[in-house]
Amino acid sequence: MAAFLRSKCSSVGRTLMGSVGNNLNGGINSSAETVTRPSHCDAISQQIRTFIQMRTNLKVVDNSGAKRVMCIQSLRGKKGARLGDMIIGSVKEAQPRGKVKKGDVVYGVVVRAAMKKGRSDGSEVQFDDNAIVIVNNKGELIGTRVFGPVPHELRKKKHLKILALAEHIV
């Protein structure tokens, strides 16, 4: 059994082997640590939430015609984009008669990000998906509606038109 655990999760296998061989050195405590401490298998099953960077697929939450956009470049900095930042992306999926076609290079504002964002009052905001609203190079919206929740941090980034069209402000 220990060999099977070692092949699947090396850290769990080692702690179980240590508890079997060293009963005098607190083997019971080390097996309890295995239960409370996150193992290597848990890290694999959980998705790490990071910045929006090159080749990140984003959902489009307006009625411009695009469904999915892949990020080409973040206009924020080296690490990537966060809530309210502008990106350049390529449209990967589009609706048949929309304003934006598949293969178009578009600008977008990140309105939902899976990465946690801390607020000044100590709370954190985190969304389930990464989503953008498509804008032109001047920052004006291409679509006329914005679907789903939008954070109020966009007010600091001067994206007031997005907030005015949003269904729900978080």
Protein backbone atom coordinates (compact mmCIF):
# COMPACT_ATOMS: atom_id res chain seq x y z
CA MET A 1 0.00 0.00 0.00
CA ALA A 2 2.83 2.39 0.81
CA ALA A 3 4.40 1.80 -2.60
CA PHE A 4 1.10 2.63 -4.29
CA LEU A 5 0.85 5.87 -2.32
CA ARG A 6 4.45 6.71 -3.12
CA SER A 7 3.85 6.38 -6.85
CA LYS A 8 0.73 8.56 -6.72
CA CYS A 9 1.74 11.14 -4.10
CA SER A 10 5.36 11.07 -3.01
CA SER A 11 4.95 13.26 0.11
CA VAL A 12 2.08 11.17 1.51
CA GLY A 13 3.93 7.93 0.82
CA ARG A 14 7.01 9.15 2.68
CA THR A 15 5.08 10.23 5.76
CA LEU A 16 3.19 6.93 5.90
CA MET A 17 6.44 4.99 5.53
CA GLY A 18 7.95 7.09 8.31
CA SER A 19 5.05 6.35 10.64
CA VAL A 20 5.26 2.59 9.94
CA GLY A 21 8.99 2.37 10.56
CA ASN A 22 9.41 4.81 13.45
CA ASN A 23 6.74 4.12 16.06
CA LEU A 24 9.03 5.33 18.83
CA ASN A 25 9.66 8.73 17.22
CA GLY A 26 6.08 9.92 17.16
CA GLY A 27 4.77 7.90 14.24
CA ILE A 28 1.19 8.59 15.27
CA ASN A 29 1.78 12.35 15.12
CA SER A 30 3.30 12.18 11.65
CA SER A 31 0.32 10.27 10.27
CA ALA A 32 -2.01 12.91 11.78
CA GLU A 33 0.06 15.56 10.01
CA THR A 34 -0.62 13.79 6.75
CA VAL A 35 -4.35 14.26 7.25
CA THR A 36 -4.17 17.97 8.16
CA ARG A 37 -1.40 19.07 5.81
CA PRO A 38 -2.31 19.52 2.10
CA SER A 39 -0.51 16.92 0.06
CA HIS A 40 0.98 16.94 -3.41
CA CYS A 41 -2.22 15.37 -4.80
CA ASP A 42 -4.33 18.25 -3.47
CA ALA A 43 -2.08 20.77 -5.21
CA ILE A 44 -2.54 18.98 -8.52
CA SER A 45 -6.33 18.86 -8.21
CA GLN A 46 -6.64 22.56 -7.30
CA GLN A 47 -6.21 25.15 -10.03
CA ILE A 48 -3.75 27.92 -9.26
CA ARG A 49 -5.29 31.34 -9.86
CA THR A 50 -2.81 33.80 -11.34
CA PHE A 51 -2.68 36.94 -13.45
CA ILE A 52 -4.29 37.08 -16.88
CA GLN A 53 -1.32 36.61 -19.16
CA MET A 54 -0.56 35.59 -22.73
CA ARG A 55 -2.64 32.68 -24.07
CA THR A 56 -5.27 32.97 -21.33
CA ASN A 57 -8.77 32.25 -22.65
CA LEU A 58 -11.38 34.74 -21.48
CA LYS A 59 -15.15 34.77 -21.71
CA VAL A 60 -16.73 37.82 -23.37
CA VAL A 61 -19.66 39.22 -21.36
CA ASP A 62 -21.12 41.80 -23.73
CA ASN A 63 -23.19 41.66 -26.91
CA SER A 64 -20.41 42.58 -29.34
CA GLY A 65 -20.57 39.19 -31.05
CA ALA A 66 -17.50 37.49 -29.59
CA LYS A 67 -17.88 34.55 -27.24
CA ARG A 68 -14.27 33.72 -26.34
CA VAL A 69 -11.04 35.73 -26.62
CA MET A 70 -7.44 34.62 -26.13
CA CYS A 71 -5.14 37.20 -24.55
CA ILE A 72 -2.26 38.26 -26.80
CA GLN A 73 -0.77 41.00 -24.62
CA SER A 74 -1.44 42.60 -21.28
CA LEU A 75 -1.16 46.38 -21.32
CA ARG A 76 -0.47 46.56 -17.57
CA GLY A 77 3.01 45.19 -17.03
CA LYS A 78 5.23 42.12 -17.13
CA LYS A 79 3.22 39.91 -14.77
CA GLY A 80 -0.16 40.27 -16.43
CA ALA A 81 -3.56 41.92 -16.13
CA ARG A 82 -5.95 42.14 -13.18
CA LEU A 83 -9.42 43.60 -12.67
CA GLY A 84 -9.95 46.76 -14.71
CA ASP A 85 -6.80 46.43 -16.83
CA MET A 86 -6.73 46.60 -20.62
CA ILE A 87 -5.58 43.66 -22.73
CA ILE A 88 -5.20 42.91 -26.42
CA GLY A 89 -6.79 39.67 -27.55
CA SER A 90 -7.70 37.55 -30.53
CA VAL A 91 -11.30 36.43 -31.00
CA LYS A 92 -11.45 32.62 -30.99
CA GLU A 93 -15.23 32.08 -31.06
CA ALA A 94 -17.84 34.50 -32.35
CA GLN A 95 -21.56 34.61 -33.05
CA PRO A 96 -22.57 34.53 -36.72
CA ARG A 97 -23.89 38.08 -37.21
CA GLY A 98 -21.96 40.04 -34.58
CA LYS A 99 -19.95 43.23 -34.80
CA VAL A 100 -16.75 41.26 -34.10
CA LYS A 101 -15.62 38.30 -36.23
CA LYS A 102 -13.41 35.30 -35.48
CA GLY A 103 -9.73 36.17 -35.89
CA ASP A 104 -10.15 39.90 -35.15
CA VAL A 105 -7.63 41.52 -32.84
CA VAL A 106 -9.52 43.49 -30.19
CA TYR A 107 -8.94 45.49 -27.03
CA GLY A 108 -10.72 44.48 -23.86
CA VAL A 109 -11.20 45.48 -20.23
CA VAL A 110 -10.98 42.71 -17.62
CA VAL A 111 -14.23 42.76 -15.64
CA ARG A 112 -13.93 39.40 -13.86
CA ALA A 113 -10.76 37.62 -12.77
CA ALA A 114 -10.31 34.32 -10.96
CA MET A 115 -7.38 35.78 -9.01
CA LYS A 116 -8.18 37.21 -5.58
CA LYS A 117 -8.20 41.00 -5.32
CA GLY A 118 -7.93 42.58 -1.89
CA ARG A 119 -10.02 45.59 -1.03
CA SER A 120 -9.23 48.44 1.33
CA ASP A 121 -11.81 47.27 3.89
CA GLY A 122 -10.03 43.92 4.22
CA SER A 123 -12.42 41.85 2.13
CA GLU A 124 -11.39 39.99 -1.01
CA VAL A 125 -13.21 39.61 -4.31
CA GLN A 126 -12.72 36.55 -6.51
CA PHE A 127 -14.76 35.36 -9.47
CA ASP A 128 -15.20 31.88 -10.88
CA ASP A 129 -14.07 32.80 -14.39
CA ASN A 130 -12.02 35.30 -16.34
CA ALA A 131 -14.15 37.66 -18.41
CA ILE A 132 -13.71 40.82 -20.49
CA VAL A 133 -15.76 43.49 -22.18
CA ILE A 134 -14.59 44.40 -25.70
CA VAL A 135 -13.72 48.05 -26.30
CA ASN A 136 -12.07 49.97 -29.13
CA ASN A 137 -8.58 51.44 -28.86
CA LYS A 138 -9.99 54.64 -27.30
CA GLY A 139 -11.73 52.69 -24.54
CA GLU A 140 -15.30 53.04 -25.83
CA LEU A 141 -17.56 50.00 -25.63
CA ILE A 142 -18.39 48.09 -28.81
CA GLY A 143 -21.39 46.29 -27.31
CA THR A 144 -24.46 47.89 -25.76
CA ARG A 145 -25.03 45.48 -22.85
CA VAL A 146 -22.85 43.94 -20.12
CA PHE A 147 -23.92 40.60 -18.64
CA GLY A 148 -23.24 39.28 -15.16
CA PRO A 149 -21.63 40.81 -12.08
CA VAL A 150 -18.97 43.52 -12.36
CA PRO A 151 -16.73 44.74 -9.49
CA HIS A 152 -16.87 48.35 -8.34
CA GLU A 153 -13.06 48.57 -8.70
CA LEU A 154 -13.71 49.60 -12.31
CA ARG A 155 -14.72 53.02 -10.97
CA LYS A 156 -11.11 53.68 -9.93
CA LYS A 157 -9.90 52.70 -13.42
CA LYS A 158 -12.35 55.19 -15.04
CA HIS A 159 -14.54 52.57 -16.75
CA LEU A 160 -17.81 54.22 -15.72
CA LYS A 161 -19.70 53.25 -18.90
CA ILE A 162 -19.19 49.56 -18.08
CA LEU A 163 -20.57 50.12 -14.60
CA ALA A 164 -23.57 51.97 -15.99
CA LEU A 165 -24.45 49.11 -18.35
CA ALA A 166 -23.74 46.27 -15.90
CA GLU A 167 -26.54 44.09 -14.56
CA HIS A 168 -25.05 43.74 -11.08
CA ILE A 169 -22.21 45.60 -9.31
CA VAL A 170 -20.29 43.64 -6.68
